[in-house]
């Protein structure tokens, strides 16, 4: 049994659309992680500055 070309084309298009949506979600997650990383870095720098004010 053969699958008509138009059905195959629709299936491929649907799969490509799913992959595109997945790639967009991954990109958004990576950007969010990047923002959080930047905030953490700033917090660590602030903490190190504050701790540096103490003498042991």
PDB file of N, CA and C in Angstrom:
ATOM      1  N   UNK A   1       0.845  -1.179   0.000  1.00  0.00           N
ATOM      2  CA  UNK A   1       0.000   0.000   0.000  1.00  0.00           C
ATOM      3  C   UNK A   1       0.888   1.238   0.000  1.00  0.00           C
ATOM      4  N   UNK A   2       0.550   2.190  -0.829  1.00  0.00           N
ATOM      5  CA  UNK A   2       1.335   3.421  -0.902  1.00  0.00           C
ATOM      6  C   UNK A   2       0.549   4.570  -0.301  1.00  0.00           C
ATOM      7  N   UNK A   3       1.290   5.511   0.254  1.00  0.00           N
ATOM      8  CA  UNK A   3       0.673   6.690   0.846  1.00  0.00           C
ATOM      9  C   UNK A   3       0.690   7.785  -0.204  1.00  0.00           C
ATOM     10  N   UNK A   4      -0.452   8.412  -0.449  1.00  0.00           N
ATOM     11  CA  UNK A   4      -0.477   9.488  -1.430  1.00  0.00           C
ATOM     12  C   UNK A   4       0.516  10.595  -1.035  1.00  0.00           C
ATOM     13  N   UNK A   5       1.101  11.209  -2.046  1.00  0.00           N
ATOM     14  CA  UNK A   5       2.120  12.229  -1.840  1.00  0.00           C
ATOM     15  C   UNK A   5       1.587  13.400  -1.024  1.00  0.00           C
ATOM     16  N   UNK A   6       0.337  13.784  -1.248  1.00  0.00           N
ATOM     17  CA  UNK A   6      -0.204  14.919  -0.492  1.00  0.00           C
ATOM     18  C   UNK A   6      -0.322  14.608   0.997  1.00  0.00           C
ATOM     19  N   UNK A   7      -0.646  13.367   1.349  1.00  0.00           N
ATOM     20  CA  UNK A   7      -0.701  12.977   2.764  1.00  0.00           C
ATOM     21  C   UNK A   7       0.689  12.999   3.383  1.00  0.00           C
ATOM     22  N   UNK A   8       1.658  12.504   2.638  1.00  0.00           N
ATOM     23  CA  UNK A   8       3.035  12.497   3.109  1.00  0.00           C
ATOM     24  C   UNK A   8       3.538  13.927   3.299  1.00  0.00           C
ATOM     25  N   UNK A   9       3.219  14.786   2.352  1.00  0.00           N
ATOM     26  CA  UNK A   9       3.620  16.196   2.441  1.00  0.00           C
ATOM     27  C   UNK A   9       3.001  16.859   3.662  1.00  0.00           C
ATOM     28  N   UNK A  10       1.738  16.586   3.926  1.00  0.00           N
ATOM     29  CA  UNK A  10       1.073  17.149   5.115  1.00  0.00           C
ATOM     30  C   UNK A  10       1.733  16.661   6.398  1.00  0.00           C
ATOM     31  N   UNK A  11       2.061  15.380   6.432  1.00  0.00           N
ATOM     32  CA  UNK A  11       2.705  14.819   7.630  1.00  0.00           C
ATOM     33  C   UNK A  11       4.079  15.453   7.845  1.00  0.00           C
ATOM     34  N   UNK A  12       4.831  15.629   6.773  1.00  0.00           N
ATOM     35  CA  UNK A  12       6.150  16.250   6.890  1.00  0.00           C
ATOM     36  C   UNK A  12       6.010  17.698   7.339  1.00  0.00           C
ATOM     37  N   UNK A  13       5.062  18.413   6.767  1.00  0.00           N
ATOM     38  CA  UNK A  13       4.829  19.816   7.152  1.00  0.00           C
ATOM     39  C   UNK A  13       4.436  19.922   8.616  1.00  0.00           C
ATOM     40  N   UNK A  14       3.571  19.041   9.069  1.00  0.00           N
ATOM     41  CA  UNK A  14       3.156  19.053  10.477  1.00  0.00           C
ATOM     42  C   UNK A  14       4.354  18.769  11.386  1.00  0.00           C
ATOM     43  N   UNK A  15       5.191  17.824  10.999  1.00  0.00           N
ATOM     44  CA  UNK A  15       6.379  17.511  11.796  1.00  0.00           C
ATOM     45  C   UNK A  15       7.347  18.689  11.830  1.00  0.00           C
ATOM     46  N   UNK A  16       7.526  19.340  10.701  1.00  0.00           N
ATOM     47  CA  UNK A  16       8.400  20.521  10.648  1.00  0.00           C
ATOM     48  C   UNK A  16       7.860  21.629  11.542  1.00  0.00           C
ATOM     49  N   UNK A  17       6.556  21.825  11.540  1.00  0.00           N
ATOM     50  CA  UNK A  17       5.944  22.843  12.396  1.00  0.00           C
ATOM     51  C   UNK A  17       6.147  22.517  13.875  1.00  0.00           C
ATOM     52  N   UNK A  18       6.030  21.243  14.221  1.00  0.00           N
ATOM     53  CA  UNK A  18       6.276  20.827  15.604  1.00  0.00           C
ATOM     54  C   UNK A  18       7.719  21.077  16.002  1.00  0.00           C
ATOM     55  N   UNK A  19       8.651  20.769  15.098  1.00  0.00           N
ATOM     56  CA  UNK A  19      10.066  20.991  15.391  1.00  0.00           C
ATOM     57  C   UNK A  19      10.356  22.483  15.547  1.00  0.00           C
ATOM     58  N   UNK A  20       9.716  23.297  14.724  1.00  0.00           N
ATOM     59  CA  UNK A  20       9.901  24.750  14.827  1.00  0.00           C
ATOM     60  C   UNK A  20       9.386  25.255  16.164  1.00  0.00           C
ATOM     61  N   UNK A  21       8.217  24.802  16.559  1.00  0.00           N
ATOM     62  CA  UNK A  21       7.651  25.212  17.850  1.00  0.00           C
ATOM     63  C   UNK A  21       8.554  24.763  18.994  1.00  0.00           C
ATOM     64  N   UNK A  22       9.083  23.547  18.906  1.00  0.00           N
ATOM     65  CA  UNK A  22       9.992  23.047  19.932  1.00  0.00           C
ATOM     66  C   UNK A  22      11.264  23.873  20.003  1.00  0.00           C
ATOM     67  N   UNK A  23      11.797  24.245  18.849  1.00  0.00           N
ATOM     68  CA  UNK A  23      13.016  25.056  18.812  1.00  0.00           C
ATOM     69  C   UNK A  23      12.769  26.425  19.432  1.00  0.00           C
ATOM     70  N   UNK A  24      11.602  26.991  19.187  1.00  0.00           N
ATOM     71  CA  UNK A  24      11.256  28.294  19.778  1.00  0.00           C
ATOM     72  C   UNK A  24      11.168  28.170  21.293  1.00  0.00           C
ATOM     73  N   UNK A  25      10.549  27.109  21.778  1.00  0.00           N
ATOM     74  CA  UNK A  25      10.449  26.896  23.223  1.00  0.00           C
ATOM     75  C   UNK A  25      11.831  26.728  23.852  1.00  0.00           C
ATOM     76  N   UNK A  26      12.685  25.985  23.194  1.00  0.00           N
ATOM     77  CA  UNK A  26      14.049  25.790  23.708  1.00  0.00           C
ATOM     78  C   UNK A  26      14.784  27.110  23.745  1.00  0.00           C
ATOM     79  N   UNK A  27      14.659  27.900  22.692  1.00  0.00           N
ATOM     80  CA  UNK A  27      15.319  29.205  22.636  1.00  0.00           C
ATOM     81  C   UNK A  27      14.828  30.112  23.758  1.00  0.00           C
ATOM     82  N   UNK A  28      13.535  30.126  23.992  1.00  0.00           N
ATOM     83  CA  UNK A  28      12.983  30.943  25.079  1.00  0.00           C
ATOM     84  C   UNK A  28      13.523  30.495  26.437  1.00  0.00           C
ATOM     85  N   UNK A  29      13.599  29.186  26.632  1.00  0.00           N
ATOM     86  CA  UNK A  29      14.125  28.659  27.894  1.00  0.00           C
ATOM     87  C   UNK A  29      15.596  29.030  28.074  1.00  0.00           C
ATOM     88  N   UNK A  30      16.372  28.942  27.004  1.00  0.00           N
ATOM     89  CA  UNK A  30      17.786  29.301  27.078  1.00  0.00           C
ATOM     90  C   UNK A  30      17.941  30.779  27.423  1.00  0.00           C
ATOM     91  N   UNK A  31      17.134  31.628  26.814  1.00  0.00           N
ATOM     92  CA  UNK A  31      17.203  33.060  27.124  1.00  0.00           C
ATOM     93  C   UNK A  31      16.840  33.333  28.578  1.00  0.00           C
ATOM     94  N   UNK A  32      15.844  32.620  29.092  1.00  0.00           N
ATOM     95  CA  UNK A  32      15.458  32.783  30.488  1.00  0.00           C
ATOM     96  C   UNK A  32      16.585  32.341  31.423  1.00  0.00           C
ATOM     97  N   UNK A  33      17.214  31.226  31.105  1.00  0.00           N
ATOM     98  CA  UNK A  33      18.343  30.749  31.900  1.00  0.00           C
ATOM     99  C   UNK A  33      19.476  31.765  31.852  1.00  0.00           C
ATOM    100  N   UNK A  34      19.708  32.348  30.691  1.00  0.00           N
ATOM    101  CA  UNK A  34      20.758  33.360  30.542  1.00  0.00           C
ATOM    102  C   UNK A  34      20.473  34.571  31.441  1.00  0.00           C
ATOM    103  N   UNK A  35      19.224  35.017  31.468  1.00  0.00           N
ATOM    104  CA  UNK A  35      18.845  36.144  32.327  1.00  0.00           C
ATOM    105  C   UNK A  35      19.036  35.802  33.806  1.00  0.00           C
ATOM    106  N   UNK A  36      18.613  34.614  34.196  1.00  0.00           N
ATOM    107  CA  UNK A  36      18.751  34.185  35.589  1.00  0.00           C
ATOM    108  C   UNK A  36      20.224  34.080  35.958  1.00  0.00           C
ATOM    109  N   UNK A  37      21.027  33.572  35.043  1.00  0.00           N
ATOM    110  CA  UNK A  37      22.463  33.460  35.287  1.00  0.00           C
ATOM    111  C   UNK A  37      23.073  34.835  35.523  1.00  0.00           C
ATOM    112  N   UNK A  38      22.670  35.812  34.724  1.00  0.00           N
ATOM    113  CA  UNK A  38      23.165  37.176  34.897  1.00  0.00           C
ATOM    114  C   UNK A  38      22.781  37.747  36.255  1.00  0.00           C
ATOM    115  N   UNK A  39      21.546  37.494  36.675  1.00  0.00           N
ATOM    116  CA  UNK A  39      21.084  37.977  37.987  1.00  0.00           C
ATOM    117  C   UNK A  39      21.877  37.298  39.108  1.00  0.00           C
ATOM    118  N   UNK A  40      22.099  35.992  38.974  1.00  0.00           N
ATOM    119  CA  UNK A  40      22.868  35.268  39.988  1.00  0.00           C
ATOM    120  C   UNK A  40      24.291  35.797  40.073  1.00  0.00           C
ATOM    121  N   UNK A  41      24.887  36.060  38.924  1.00  0.00           N
ATOM    122  CA  UNK A  41      26.253  36.585  38.897  1.00  0.00           C
ATOM    123  C   UNK A  41      26.311  37.916  39.641  1.00  0.00           C
ATOM    124  N   UNK A  42      25.349  38.782  39.382  1.00  0.00           N
ATOM    125  CA  UNK A  42      25.306  40.081  40.056  1.00  0.00           C
ATOM    126  C   UNK A  42      25.112  39.900  41.562  1.00  0.00           C
ATOM    127  N   UNK A  43      24.239  38.984  41.960  1.00  0.00           N
ATOM    128  CA  UNK A  43      24.019  38.722  43.380  1.00  0.00           C
ATOM    129  C   UNK A  43      25.279  38.205  44.053  1.00  0.00           C
ATOM    130  N   UNK A  44      26.005  37.332  43.381  1.00  0.00           N
ATOM    131  CA  UNK A  44      27.246  36.791  43.946  1.00  0.00           C
ATOM    132  C   UNK A  44      28.283  37.900  44.084  1.00  0.00           C
ATOM    133  N   UNK A  45      28.360  38.766  43.083  1.00  0.00           N
ATOM    134  CA  UNK A  45      29.301  39.891  43.159  1.00  0.00           C
ATOM    135  C   UNK A  45      28.957  40.804  44.338  1.00  0.00           C
ATOM    136  N   UNK A  46      27.666  41.075  44.521  1.00  0.00           N
ATOM    137  CA  UNK A  46      27.226  41.917  45.643  1.00  0.00           C
ATOM    138  C   UNK A  46      27.544  41.254  46.979  1.00  0.00           C
ATOM    139  N   UNK A  47      27.294  39.956  47.064  1.00  0.00           N
ATOM    140  CA  UNK A  47      27.578  39.220  48.290  1.00  0.00           C
ATOM    141  C   UNK A  47      29.075  39.248  48.596  1.00  0.00           C
ATOM    142  N   UNK A  48      29.894  39.008  47.578  1.00  0.00           N
ATOM    143  CA  UNK A  48      31.339  39.019  47.776  1.00  0.00           C
ATOM    144  C   UNK A  48      31.804  40.401  48.238  1.00  0.00           C
ATOM    145  N   UNK A  49      31.206  41.427  47.701  1.00  0.00           N
ATOM    146  CA  UNK A  49      31.554  42.802  48.118  1.00  0.00           C
ATOM    147  C   UNK A  49      31.194  43.037  49.585  1.00  0.00           C
ATOM    148  N   UNK A  50      30.033  42.578  49.982  1.00  0.00           N
ATOM    149  CA  UNK A  50      29.588  42.764  51.367  1.00  0.00           C
ATOM    150  C   UNK A  50      30.462  41.947  52.326  1.00  0.00           C
ATOM    151  N   UNK A  51      30.750  40.700  51.963  1.00  0.00           N
ATOM    152  CA  UNK A  51      31.573  39.844  52.815  1.00  0.00           C
ATOM    153  C   UNK A  51      32.978  40.449  52.923  1.00  0.00           C
ATOM    154  N   UNK A  52      33.444  41.044  51.853  1.00  0.00           N
ATOM    155  CA  UNK A  52      34.765  41.658  51.853  1.00  0.00           C
ATOM    156  C   UNK A  52      34.905  42.811  52.838  1.00  0.00           C
ATOM    157  N   UNK A  53      33.812  43.342  53.305  1.00  0.00           N
ATOM    158  CA  UNK A  53      33.836  44.451  54.257  1.00  0.00           C
ATOM    159  C   UNK A  53      34.168  43.980  55.673  1.00  0.00           C
ATOM    160  N   UNK A  54      34.008  42.684  55.908  1.00  0.00           N
ATOM    161  CA  UNK A  54      34.302  42.142  57.240  1.00  0.00           C
ATOM    162  C   UNK A  54      35.756  41.743  57.354  1.00  0.00           C
ATOM    163  N   UNK A  55      36.307  41.922  58.536  1.00  0.00           N
ATOM    164  CA  UNK A  55      37.679  41.488  58.790  1.00  0.00           C
ATOM    165  C   UNK A  55      37.643  40.386  59.824  1.00  0.00           C
ATOM    166  N   UNK A  56      38.441  39.384  59.611  1.00  0.00           N
ATOM    167  CA  UNK A  56      38.469  38.240  60.526  1.00  0.00           C
ATOM    168  C   UNK A  56      39.639  38.385  61.483  1.00  0.00           C
TER     169      UNK A  56
END
